[in-house]
Amino acid sequence: FRIRTFLKQNLKNPSSPFFLATQKWGTRLVENFLSKLFENPLWLYETRSKNPLIQKTLKETKTFFETGLNEKKQNGWVHLDDLEFLTYTLLKNDTTLCHNLQTRYTHILVDEFQDTNPIQAKIISLLFNPDKNHLFFVGDPKQSIYRFRKADSALFVHFIEEIKSKGGIEVPLQETFRMAKPLCDFVNKIFEPLFEKSENIWQ
């Protein structure tokens, strides 16, 4: 609703980049584009384009987003997504604070890492400095269930490679004590076709 209202307001102005964009690409495409921007502020700030019309659209969207965020902050209405974004921008823009936190927290432990979303991953990357602290995370990409909160299990694999490139190690866990063997065999048999490499978790 918020996106459609925002777009509807801009479509009343023929000089608005959104008006020009809908004329060129259609309302549905522009609406979908805005949905992605509002759902993931990180994407809004990292998207780059050489197209002047897209550049103007991004600029106007940022202005609207930041105005709304400031209003929410003033009224104490920020939610979880806002807190994550504000934390990320604070760490990114304040290098002194970031370095102080890296020194203060010598060990960083992240559980259920498979449910990490891109902006949370950025926060972890900013806090982790192999010259100052240690990062340890636990998880299983096959158990990622928070896609509706933008969780991306691909980040799990990315961080494994990043840590290994910095001298870290990967420790696979091959045993489970949380279920009986018959149930484990059944689950492995059902889900084996869904994975490129099936691993029997019962030893």
C-alpha atoms as a PDB file:
ATOM      1  CA  PHE A   1       0.000   0.000   0.000  1.00  0.00           C
ATOM      2  CA  ARG A   2       2.779   2.399   0.938  1.00  0.00           C
ATOM      3  CA  ILE A   3       4.580   1.798  -2.353  1.00  0.00           C
ATOM      4  CA  ARG A   4       1.456   2.203  -4.464  1.00  0.00           C
ATOM      5  CA  THR A   5       0.557   5.428  -2.646  1.00  0.00           C
ATOM      6  CA  PHE A   6       4.076   6.751  -3.145  1.00  0.00           C
ATOM      7  CA  LEU A   7       4.000   5.852  -6.837  1.00  0.00           C
ATOM      8  CA  LYS A   8       0.498   7.271  -7.320  1.00  0.00           C
ATOM      9  CA  GLN A   9       1.588  10.607  -5.840  1.00  0.00           C
ATOM     10  CA  ASN A  10       4.590  10.793  -8.152  1.00  0.00           C
ATOM     11  CA  LEU A  11       2.563   9.864 -11.224  1.00  0.00           C
ATOM     12  CA  LYS A  12       0.632  13.116 -10.811  1.00  0.00           C
ATOM     13  CA  ASN A  13       3.801  15.000 -11.724  1.00  0.00           C
ATOM     14  CA  PRO A  14       4.809  14.624 -15.421  1.00  0.00           C
ATOM     15  CA  SER A  15       8.366  15.711 -14.591  1.00  0.00           C
ATOM     16  CA  SER A  16       8.794  13.000 -11.942  1.00  0.00           C
ATOM     17  CA  PRO A  17      11.273  10.245 -12.887  1.00  0.00           C
ATOM     18  CA  PHE A  18       8.649   7.716 -11.796  1.00  0.00           C
ATOM     19  CA  PHE A  19       6.165   9.164 -14.290  1.00  0.00           C
ATOM     20  CA  LEU A  20       8.764   8.906 -17.053  1.00  0.00           C
ATOM     21  CA  ALA A  21       9.770   5.410 -15.923  1.00  0.00           C
ATOM     22  CA  THR A  22       6.199   4.100 -16.045  1.00  0.00           C
ATOM     23  CA  GLN A  23       5.788   5.595 -19.503  1.00  0.00           C
ATOM     24  CA  LYS A  24       8.888   3.735 -20.637  1.00  0.00           C
ATOM     25  CA  TRP A  25       8.701   0.423 -18.757  1.00  0.00           C
ATOM     26  CA  GLY A  26       5.130   0.159 -17.463  1.00  0.00           C
ATOM     27  CA  THR A  27       3.590   0.646 -14.025  1.00  0.00           C
ATOM     28  CA  ARG A  28       3.883  -3.007 -12.979  1.00  0.00           C
ATOM     29  CA  LEU A  29       7.643  -3.165 -13.623  1.00  0.00           C
ATOM     30  CA  VAL A  30       8.296   0.109 -11.783  1.00  0.00           C
ATOM     31  CA  GLU A  31       6.130  -1.027  -8.872  1.00  0.00           C
ATOM     32  CA  ASN A  32       8.080  -4.289  -8.606  1.00  0.00           C
ATOM     33  CA  PHE A  33      11.333  -2.335  -8.756  1.00  0.00           C
ATOM     34  CA  LEU A  34      10.209  -0.101  -5.886  1.00  0.00           C
ATOM     35  CA  SER A  35       9.077  -3.118  -3.869  1.00  0.00           C
ATOM     36  CA  LYS A  36      12.594  -4.538  -3.978  1.00  0.00           C
ATOM     37  CA  LEU A  37      14.080  -1.208  -2.960  1.00  0.00           C
ATOM     38  CA  PHE A  38      11.785  -0.760   0.031  1.00  0.00           C
ATOM     39  CA  GLU A  39      12.044  -4.387   1.148  1.00  0.00           C
ATOM     40  CA  ASN A  40      15.833  -4.285   1.104  1.00  0.00           C
ATOM     41  CA  PRO A  41      17.355  -0.851   1.875  1.00  0.00           C
ATOM     42  CA  LEU A  42      20.784  -2.385   1.330  1.00  0.00           C
ATOM     43  CA  TRP A  43      19.852  -3.012  -2.296  1.00  0.00           C
ATOM     44  CA  LEU A  44      18.599   0.558  -2.550  1.00  0.00           C
ATOM     45  CA  TYR A  45      21.963   1.971  -1.504  1.00  0.00           C
ATOM     46  CA  GLU A  46      24.153  -0.475  -3.412  1.00  0.00           C
ATOM     47  CA  THR A  47      22.327  -0.502  -6.751  1.00  0.00           C
ATOM     48  CA  ARG A  48      24.300   1.220  -9.496  1.00  0.00           C
ATOM     49  CA  SER A  49      23.170   2.176 -12.989  1.00  0.00           C
ATOM     50  CA  LYS A  50      24.479   4.278 -15.842  1.00  0.00           C
ATOM     51  CA  ASN A  51      20.934   4.957 -16.980  1.00  0.00           C
ATOM     52  CA  PRO A  52      20.082   8.599 -16.040  1.00  0.00           C
ATOM     53  CA  LEU A  53      16.404   7.788 -15.504  1.00  0.00           C
ATOM     54  CA  ILE A  54      17.193   4.950 -13.101  1.00  0.00           C
ATOM     55  CA  GLN A  55      19.696   7.187 -11.298  1.00  0.00           C
ATOM     56  CA  LYS A  56      17.017   9.834 -10.741  1.00  0.00           C
ATOM     57  CA  THR A  57      14.540   7.173  -9.621  1.00  0.00           C
ATOM     58  CA  LEU A  58      17.017   5.821  -7.067  1.00  0.00           C
ATOM     59  CA  LYS A  59      17.771   9.320  -5.790  1.00  0.00           C
ATOM     60  CA  GLU A  60      14.079  10.140  -5.292  1.00  0.00           C
ATOM     61  CA  THR A  61      13.456   6.780  -3.625  1.00  0.00           C
ATOM     62  CA  LYS A  62      16.344   7.328  -1.191  1.00  0.00           C
ATOM     63  CA  THR A  63      14.954  10.730  -0.258  1.00  0.00           C
ATOM     64  CA  PHE A  64      11.515   9.267   0.419  1.00  0.00           C
ATOM     65  CA  PHE A  65      12.972   6.335   2.372  1.00  0.00           C
ATOM     66  CA  GLU A  66      15.211   8.534   4.544  1.00  0.00           C
ATOM     67  CA  THR A  67      12.398  10.999   5.236  1.00  0.00           C
ATOM     68  CA  GLY A  68      10.154   8.161   6.378  1.00  0.00           C
ATOM     69  CA  LEU A  69      12.932   6.621   8.485  1.00  0.00           C
ATOM     70  CA  ASN A  70      13.643   9.944  10.218  1.00  0.00           C
ATOM     71  CA  GLU A  71       9.947  10.375  11.000  1.00  0.00           C
ATOM     72  CA  LYS A  72       9.822   6.895  12.523  1.00  0.00           C
ATOM     73  CA  LYS A  73      12.935   7.587  14.595  1.00  0.00           C
ATOM     74  CA  GLN A  74      11.478  10.827  15.933  1.00  0.00           C
ATOM     75  CA  ASN A  75       8.267   9.046  16.941  1.00  0.00           C
ATOM     76  CA  GLY A  76       9.923   5.879  18.226  1.00  0.00           C
ATOM     77  CA  TRP A  77       8.326   3.678  15.583  1.00  0.00           C
ATOM     78  CA  VAL A  78      11.385   1.899  14.201  1.00  0.00           C
ATOM     79  CA  HIS A  79      11.054  -1.868  13.729  1.00  0.00           C
ATOM     80  CA  LEU A  80      13.589  -4.693  13.391  1.00  0.00           C
ATOM     81  CA  ASP A  81      14.462  -4.003   9.736  1.00  0.00           C
ATOM     82  CA  ASP A  82      15.064  -0.342  10.575  1.00  0.00           C
ATOM     83  CA  LEU A  83      17.303  -1.251  13.521  1.00  0.00           C
ATOM     84  CA  GLU A  84      19.386  -3.541  11.316  1.00  0.00           C
ATOM     85  CA  PHE A  85      19.767  -0.859   8.659  1.00  0.00           C
ATOM     86  CA  LEU A  86      20.618   1.853  11.209  1.00  0.00           C
ATOM     87  CA  THR A  87      23.228  -0.415  12.810  1.00  0.00           C
ATOM     88  CA  TYR A  88      24.791  -1.135   9.439  1.00  0.00           C
ATOM     89  CA  THR A  89      24.970   2.541   8.401  1.00  0.00           C
ATOM     90  CA  LEU A  90      26.363   3.530  11.812  1.00  0.00           C
ATOM     91  CA  LEU A  91      29.186   0.976  11.627  1.00  0.00           C
ATOM     92  CA  LYS A  92      29.911   1.745   7.987  1.00  0.00           C
ATOM     93  CA  ASN A  93      30.065   5.515   8.459  1.00  0.00           C
ATOM     94  CA  ASP A  94      31.793   5.626  11.856  1.00  0.00           C
ATOM     95  CA  THR A  95      35.120   3.840  11.374  1.00  0.00           C
ATOM     96  CA  THR A  96      36.338   4.799  14.855  1.00  0.00           C
ATOM     97  CA  LEU A  97      33.338   3.142  16.482  1.00  0.00           C
ATOM     98  CA  CYS A  98      33.739   0.094  14.245  1.00  0.00           C
ATOM     99  CA  HIS A  99      37.426  -0.302  15.165  1.00  0.00           C
ATOM    100  CA  ASN A 100      36.653   0.133  18.869  1.00  0.00           C
ATOM    101  CA  LEU A 101      34.029  -2.620  18.724  1.00  0.00           C
ATOM    102  CA  GLN A 102      36.408  -4.912  16.847  1.00  0.00           C
ATOM    103  CA  THR A 103      38.933  -4.458  19.641  1.00  0.00           C
ATOM    104  CA  ARG A 104      36.408  -4.771  22.439  1.00  0.00           C
ATOM    105  CA  TYR A 105      34.768  -7.964  21.197  1.00  0.00           C
ATOM    106  CA  THR A 106      37.600 -10.427  20.703  1.00  0.00           C
ATOM    107  CA  HIS A 107      35.266 -13.315  19.874  1.00  0.00           C
ATOM    108  CA  ILE A 108      32.091 -13.233  17.766  1.00  0.00           C
ATOM    109  CA  LEU A 109      29.746 -16.243  17.884  1.00  0.00           C
ATOM    110  CA  VAL A 110      26.786 -16.487  15.508  1.00  0.00           C
ATOM    111  CA  ASP A 111      24.367 -19.408  15.864  1.00  0.00           C
ATOM    112  CA  GLU A 112      21.855 -20.516  13.190  1.00  0.00           C
ATOM    113  CA  PHE A 113      23.941 -18.725  10.585  1.00  0.00           C
ATOM    114  CA  GLN A 114      21.901 -20.202   7.732  1.00  0.00           C
ATOM    115  CA  ASP A 115      19.120 -17.762   8.629  1.00  0.00           C
ATOM    116  CA  THR A 116      21.307 -14.678   8.233  1.00  0.00           C
ATOM    117  CA  ASN A 117      20.050 -12.024   5.823  1.00  0.00           C
ATOM    118  CA  PRO A 118      22.310  -9.791   3.661  1.00  0.00           C
ATOM    119  CA  ILE A 119      22.261  -6.756   5.953  1.00  0.00           C
ATOM    120  CA  GLN A 120      23.011  -8.888   9.027  1.00  0.00           C
ATOM    121  CA  ALA A 121      25.910 -10.398   7.092  1.00  0.00           C
ATOM    122  CA  LYS A 122      27.202  -6.891   6.351  1.00  0.00           C
ATOM    123  CA  ILE A 123      27.079  -6.051  10.072  1.00  0.00           C
ATOM    124  CA  ILE A 124      29.035  -9.202  10.925  1.00  0.00           C
ATOM    125  CA  SER A 125      31.600  -8.395   8.216  1.00  0.00           C
ATOM    126  CA  LEU A 126      32.081  -4.907   9.655  1.00  0.00           C
ATOM    127  CA  LEU A 127      32.592  -6.249  13.189  1.00  0.00           C
ATOM    128  CA  PHE A 128      34.935  -9.053  12.121  1.00  0.00           C
ATOM    129  CA  ASN A 129      38.602  -8.170  11.685  1.00  0.00           C
ATOM    130  CA  PRO A 130      40.971 -11.193  11.543  1.00  0.00           C
ATOM    131  CA  ASP A 131      43.770  -9.002  12.921  1.00  0.00           C
ATOM    132  CA  LYS A 132      41.757  -8.117  16.028  1.00  0.00           C
ATOM    133  CA  ASN A 133      39.145 -10.763  16.751  1.00  0.00           C
ATOM    134  CA  HIS A 134      37.789 -14.204  15.903  1.00  0.00           C
ATOM    135  CA  LEU A 135      34.569 -15.226  14.168  1.00  0.00           C
ATOM    136  CA  PHE A 136      32.877 -18.555  14.846  1.00  0.00           C
ATOM    137  CA  PHE A 137      29.525 -19.488  13.373  1.00  0.00           C
ATOM    138  CA  VAL A 138      27.330 -22.560  13.445  1.00  0.00           C
ATOM    139  CA  GLY A 139      24.619 -23.547  11.021  1.00  0.00           C
ATOM    140  CA  ASP A 140      23.272 -25.810   8.312  1.00  0.00           C
ATOM    141  CA  PRO A 141      22.094 -24.421   4.934  1.00  0.00           C
ATOM    142  CA  LYS A 142      19.590 -27.277   4.678  1.00  0.00           C
ATOM    143  CA  GLN A 143      17.783 -25.887   7.720  1.00  0.00           C
ATOM    144  CA  SER A 144      17.302 -22.362   6.404  1.00  0.00           C
ATOM    145  CA  ILE A 145      13.629 -21.489   7.025  1.00  0.00           C
ATOM    146  CA  TYR A 146      13.533 -17.687   7.234  1.00  0.00           C
ATOM    147  CA  ARG A 147      13.402 -16.691   3.595  1.00  0.00           C
ATOM    148  CA  PHE A 148      10.408 -14.477   4.418  1.00  0.00           C
ATOM    149  CA  ARG A 149      12.850 -12.425   6.506  1.00  0.00           C
ATOM    150  CA  LYS A 150      15.296 -12.260   3.575  1.00  0.00           C
ATOM    151  CA  ALA A 151      17.537 -15.021   4.922  1.00  0.00           C
ATOM    152  CA  ASP A 152      19.950 -16.229   2.265  1.00  0.00           C
ATOM    153  CA  SER A 153      21.641 -19.596   2.843  1.00  0.00           C
ATOM    154  CA  ALA A 154      24.174 -18.732   0.107  1.00  0.00           C
ATOM    155  CA  LEU A 155      25.758 -16.353   2.625  1.00  0.00           C
ATOM    156  CA  PHE A 156      26.680 -19.400   4.700  1.00  0.00           C
ATOM    157  CA  VAL A 157      28.846 -20.777   1.906  1.00  0.00           C
ATOM    158  CA  HIS A 158      30.298 -17.326   1.196  1.00  0.00           C
ATOM    159  CA  PHE A 159      31.407 -16.852   4.815  1.00  0.00           C
ATOM    160  CA  ILE A 160      32.945 -20.325   4.963  1.00  0.00           C
ATOM    161  CA  GLU A 161      35.123 -19.471   1.972  1.00  0.00           C
ATOM    162  CA  GLU A 162      35.952 -16.036   3.395  1.00  0.00           C
ATOM    163  CA  ILE A 163      37.035 -17.417   6.749  1.00  0.00           C
ATOM    164  CA  LYS A 164      39.067 -20.198   5.142  1.00  0.00           C
ATOM    165  CA  SER A 165      40.821 -17.627   2.936  1.00  0.00           C
ATOM    166  CA  LYS A 166      41.860 -15.807   6.127  1.00  0.00           C
ATOM    167  CA  GLY A 167      43.310 -18.895   7.789  1.00  0.00           C
ATOM    168  CA  GLY A 168      40.146 -20.219   9.418  1.00  0.00           C
ATOM    169  CA  ILE A 169      38.924 -23.810   9.311  1.00  0.00           C
ATOM    170  CA  GLU A 170      35.657 -25.602   8.544  1.00  0.00           C
ATOM    171  CA  VAL A 171      34.551 -28.315  10.973  1.00  0.00           C
ATOM    172  CA  PRO A 172      31.727 -30.514   9.583  1.00  0.00           C
ATOM    173  CA  LEU A 173      29.564 -32.252  12.182  1.00  0.00           C
ATOM    174  CA  GLN A 174      28.622 -35.739  11.012  1.00  0.00           C
ATOM    175  CA  GLU A 175      26.725 -37.010  14.057  1.00  0.00           C
ATOM    176  CA  THR A 176      23.362 -36.232  15.582  1.00  0.00           C
ATOM    177  CA  PHE A 177      21.906 -37.250  18.927  1.00  0.00           C
ATOM    178  CA  ARG A 178      18.570 -35.532  18.401  1.00  0.00           C
ATOM    179  CA  MET A 179      16.569 -38.268  16.663  1.00  0.00           C
ATOM    180  CA  ALA A 180      16.289 -42.040  16.372  1.00  0.00           C
ATOM    181  CA  LYS A 181      18.008 -43.851  13.502  1.00  0.00           C
ATOM    182  CA  PRO A 182      14.773 -45.035  11.753  1.00  0.00           C
ATOM    183  CA  LEU A 183      13.496 -41.455  11.588  1.00  0.00           C
ATOM    184  CA  CYS A 184      16.892 -40.255  10.362  1.00  0.00           C
ATOM    185  CA  ASP A 185      16.962 -42.910   7.620  1.00  0.00           C
ATOM    186  CA  PHE A 186      13.454 -41.922   6.511  1.00  0.00           C
ATOM    187  CA  VAL A 187      14.328 -38.200   6.317  1.00  0.00           C
ATOM    188  CA  ASN A 188      17.522 -38.918   4.381  1.00  0.00           C
ATOM    189  CA  LYS A 189      15.647 -41.100   1.893  1.00  0.00           C
ATOM    190  CA  ILE A 190      12.907 -38.518   1.294  1.00  0.00           C
ATOM    191  CA  PHE A 191      15.193 -35.531   0.881  1.00  0.00           C
ATOM    192  CA  GLU A 192      18.116 -37.154  -0.935  1.00  0.00           C
ATOM    193  CA  PRO A 193      16.767 -36.224  -4.411  1.00  0.00           C
ATOM    194  CA  LEU A 194      16.454 -32.567  -3.361  1.00  0.00           C
ATOM    195  CA  PHE A 195      20.151 -32.055  -2.691  1.00  0.00           C
ATOM    196  CA  GLU A 196      23.066 -32.336  -5.081  1.00  0.00           C
ATOM    197  CA  LYS A 197      25.069 -34.122  -2.415  1.00  0.00           C
ATOM    198  CA  SER A 198      23.102 -35.972   0.205  1.00  0.00           C
ATOM    199  CA  GLU A 199      24.837 -36.618   3.503  1.00  0.00           C
ATOM    200  CA  ASN A 200      23.549 -39.274   5.841  1.00  0.00           C
ATOM    201  CA  ILE A 201      23.586 -37.485   9.184  1.00  0.00           C
ATOM    202  CA  TRP A 202      23.375 -40.708  11.194  1.00  0.00           C
ATOM    203  CA  GLN A 203      26.678 -42.287  12.196  1.00  0.00           C
END
